[in-house]
N, C-alpha and C. Protein backbone atom coordinates (compact mmCIF):
# COMPACT_ATOMS: atom_id res chain seq x y z
N UNK A 1 132.61 219.78 113.58
CA UNK A 1 131.72 220.78 113.66
C UNK A 1 132.75 220.92 112.24
N UNK A 2 133.19 221.69 110.98
CA UNK A 2 133.99 221.70 110.53
C UNK A 2 134.59 223.39 110.54
N UNK A 3 135.89 223.96 110.26
CA UNK A 3 136.47 225.02 110.97
C UNK A 3 136.68 225.36 109.19
N UNK A 4 136.53 226.41 109.14
CA UNK A 4 136.53 227.35 107.87
C UNK A 4 137.76 227.18 106.98
N UNK A 5 138.62 226.44 107.08
CA UNK A 5 140.18 225.96 106.95
C UNK A 5 139.71 224.78 106.28
N UNK A 6 138.96 223.99 106.59
CA UNK A 6 138.47 222.39 105.96
C UNK A 6 138.91 220.90 107.77
N UNK A 7 139.40 221.56 108.66
CA UNK A 7 139.33 220.26 109.74
C UNK A 7 138.12 220.50 110.54
N UNK A 8 137.92 219.27 111.10
CA UNK A 8 136.87 218.89 111.73
C UNK A 8 137.76 219.35 112.99
N UNK A 9 136.35 219.63 114.48
CA UNK A 9 137.08 219.31 115.48
C UNK A 9 135.42 218.43 115.95
N UNK A 10 136.22 218.02 117.64
CA UNK A 10 135.45 217.52 117.77
C UNK A 10 135.24 217.82 119.57
N UNK A 11 134.23 218.34 119.76
CA UNK A 11 134.12 218.98 121.32
C UNK A 11 134.01 217.59 122.13
N UNK A 12 133.98 218.17 123.27
CA UNK A 12 133.69 217.09 124.71
C UNK A 12 133.15 217.61 125.62
N UNK A 13 132.40 217.76 126.47
CA UNK A 13 132.98 218.74 128.06
C UNK A 13 132.39 217.58 128.53
N UNK A 14 133.10 217.49 130.15
CA UNK A 14 133.17 216.91 131.32
C UNK A 14 132.42 218.47 132.69
N UNK A 15 131.93 218.24 132.28
CA UNK A 15 130.92 219.67 133.57
C UNK A 15 131.67 219.81 134.61
N UNK A 16 131.07 218.36 135.58
CA UNK A 16 131.81 218.23 136.69
C UNK A 16 133.10 219.05 137.35
N UNK A 17 134.36 218.80 136.90
CA UNK A 17 135.22 219.29 136.14
C UNK A 17 136.44 220.80 135.30
N UNK A 18 134.50 220.79 134.97
CA UNK A 18 134.26 221.66 133.77
C UNK A 18 136.10 222.21 132.17
N UNK A 19 135.43 221.45 132.60
CA UNK A 19 136.47 221.52 130.99
C UNK A 19 135.65 221.18 130.08
N UNK A 20 137.48 221.09 129.24
CA UNK A 20 136.38 220.34 127.17
C UNK A 20 137.77 219.55 126.56
N UNK A 21 137.75 218.64 126.58
CA UNK A 21 138.35 217.54 125.38
C UNK A 21 137.97 217.60 124.06
N UNK A 22 139.24 218.01 122.92
CA UNK A 22 139.45 218.56 121.85
C UNK A 22 139.83 218.26 121.18
N UNK A 23 138.77 216.94 120.13
CA UNK A 23 139.35 216.19 119.35
C UNK A 23 139.97 217.28 117.41
N UNK A 24 140.65 217.07 117.17
CA UNK A 24 141.23 218.14 115.58
C UNK A 24 141.79 217.11 115.02
N UNK A 25 140.33 217.00 113.55
CA UNK A 25 141.69 216.36 112.75
C UNK A 25 142.54 216.96 111.48
N UNK A 26 142.56 217.19 110.97
CA UNK A 26 144.24 218.24 109.90
C UNK A 26 144.18 217.77 108.69
N UNK A 27 143.85 218.76 108.21
CA UNK A 27 143.50 218.76 106.77
C UNK A 27 143.57 217.65 105.91
N UNK A 28 145.65 216.91 106.17
CA UNK A 28 146.42 215.91 106.28
C UNK A 28 145.85 214.98 106.99
N UNK A 29 144.96 214.42 107.73
CA UNK A 29 144.81 212.88 108.00
C UNK A 29 144.91 213.10 109.92
N UNK A 30 145.54 214.05 109.97
CA UNK A 30 146.66 213.33 111.36
C UNK A 30 145.84 214.49 112.05
N UNK A 31 145.64 213.47 113.63
CA UNK A 31 144.11 213.08 114.83
C UNK A 31 145.47 214.40 116.72
N UNK A 32 144.79 214.92 116.55
CA UNK A 32 145.55 215.96 117.54
C UNK A 32 144.53 215.34 118.86
N UNK A 33 144.19 215.42 120.30
CA UNK A 33 143.70 215.38 121.10
C UNK A 33 144.51 217.08 122.64
N UNK A 34 143.23 218.03 122.90
CA UNK A 34 144.08 218.51 123.33
C UNK A 34 142.27 218.96 124.97
N UNK A 35 143.34 218.90 125.81
CA UNK A 35 142.26 218.96 126.66
C UNK A 35 142.13 221.00 128.27
N UNK A 36 141.17 221.00 128.02
CA UNK A 36 141.16 222.71 128.61
C UNK A 36 141.85 222.98 130.33
N UNK A 37 141.97 224.01 130.37
CA UNK A 37 142.62 223.62 131.52
C UNK A 37 141.28 224.03 132.40
N UNK A 38 140.67 224.01 133.55
CA UNK A 38 140.03 224.07 133.85
C UNK A 38 139.20 225.73 134.43
N UNK A 39 138.30 225.67 133.86
CA UNK A 39 136.76 227.21 133.47
C UNK A 39 136.53 226.75 134.85
N UNK A 40 136.27 229.03 134.98
CA UNK A 40 135.45 228.94 135.61
C UNK A 40 133.74 229.41 135.39
N UNK A 41 133.04 229.08 136.35
CA UNK A 41 131.60 228.67 135.53
C UNK A 41 130.87 229.79 134.44
N UNK A 42 131.30 230.95 134.52
CA UNK A 42 130.80 231.71 132.80
C UNK A 42 131.80 231.49 131.68
N UNK A 43 132.87 231.38 131.72
CA UNK A 43 132.95 230.90 130.58
C UNK A 43 133.69 229.82 130.04
N UNK A 44 132.81 228.65 131.34
CA UNK A 44 132.07 226.96 130.90
C UNK A 44 131.27 227.17 130.30
N UNK A 45 130.18 228.13 129.92
CA UNK A 45 128.86 227.57 130.04
C UNK A 45 128.57 228.34 128.19
N UNK A 46 129.26 229.09 128.83
CA UNK A 46 129.84 230.48 127.13
C UNK A 46 130.14 229.79 126.49
N UNK A 47 131.66 228.66 126.60
CA UNK A 47 132.50 227.50 125.71
C UNK A 47 131.53 226.62 124.96
N UNK A 48 130.40 226.54 125.65
CA UNK A 48 129.41 225.67 124.94
C UNK A 48 128.97 224.96 124.04
N UNK A 49 129.22 226.89 123.63
CA UNK A 49 128.54 227.17 122.36
C UNK A 49 129.21 227.71 121.41
N UNK A 50 130.00 227.99 121.99
CA UNK A 50 131.80 228.65 120.94
C UNK A 50 131.21 227.25 119.01
N UNK A 51 131.31 228.50 118.23
CA UNK A 51 132.03 227.40 117.01
C UNK A 51 132.97 226.48 116.66
N UNK A 52 133.15 225.65 115.25
CA UNK A 52 134.45 224.64 114.93
C UNK A 52 135.70 226.23 115.22
N UNK A 53 135.14 227.69 114.36
CA UNK A 53 135.79 228.96 114.70
C UNK A 53 136.87 229.95 115.68
N UNK A 54 135.90 229.29 116.56
CA UNK A 54 135.87 229.36 118.06
C UNK A 54 136.45 228.69 118.83
N UNK A 55 136.67 227.54 118.94
CA UNK A 55 137.74 226.85 119.02
C UNK A 55 139.22 227.04 118.68
N UNK A 56 139.04 226.40 117.25
CA UNK A 56 139.65 227.03 116.33
C UNK A 56 141.11 227.91 116.55
N UNK A 57 140.29 229.36 117.69
CA UNK A 57 140.60 230.07 117.93
C UNK A 57 141.37 230.04 119.01
N UNK A 58 140.54 229.41 119.79
CA UNK A 58 140.93 228.46 121.67
C UNK A 58 142.29 228.08 121.28
N UNK A 59 142.29 227.67 120.15
CA UNK A 59 143.85 226.20 119.73
C UNK A 59 144.74 227.70 119.54
N UNK A 60 144.58 228.33 119.06
CA UNK A 60 145.82 229.69 119.42
C UNK A 60 146.60 229.95 120.59
N UNK A 61 145.42 229.93 121.59
CA UNK A 61 146.02 230.17 123.32
C UNK A 61 146.95 229.54 123.50
N UNK A 62 147.09 229.61 125.00
CA UNK A 62 147.47 228.74 125.56
C UNK A 62 146.98 228.03 127.84
N UNK A 63 146.22 227.60 127.45
CA UNK A 63 145.07 227.97 128.54
C UNK A 63 144.54 226.65 127.64
N UNK A 64 145.09 225.45 126.77
CA UNK A 64 145.12 224.65 127.33
C UNK A 64 145.98 223.06 126.82
N UNK A 65 146.20 221.71 126.99
CA UNK A 65 147.13 220.92 127.11
C UNK A 65 147.13 219.52 125.62
N UNK A 66 148.35 218.61 125.38
CA UNK A 66 148.37 218.40 125.04
C UNK A 66 148.33 217.21 125.34
N UNK A 67 146.90 215.82 124.55
CA UNK A 67 147.07 214.83 125.74
C UNK A 67 146.96 213.69 125.20
């Protein structure tokens, strides 16, 4: 998925732990890997439909950590 800023975001779900692994490729080519904190069932199911821009907004919160 591409964001409006041209960055690429790849997201993989871990359904048993209800977490997501997010790989972000920045516009300069550098890459960063993030993992969400465990989510409740409703939030996890909703996040499965998020766009790249939704994930970019999510990364502005403190509900994840860098892997």
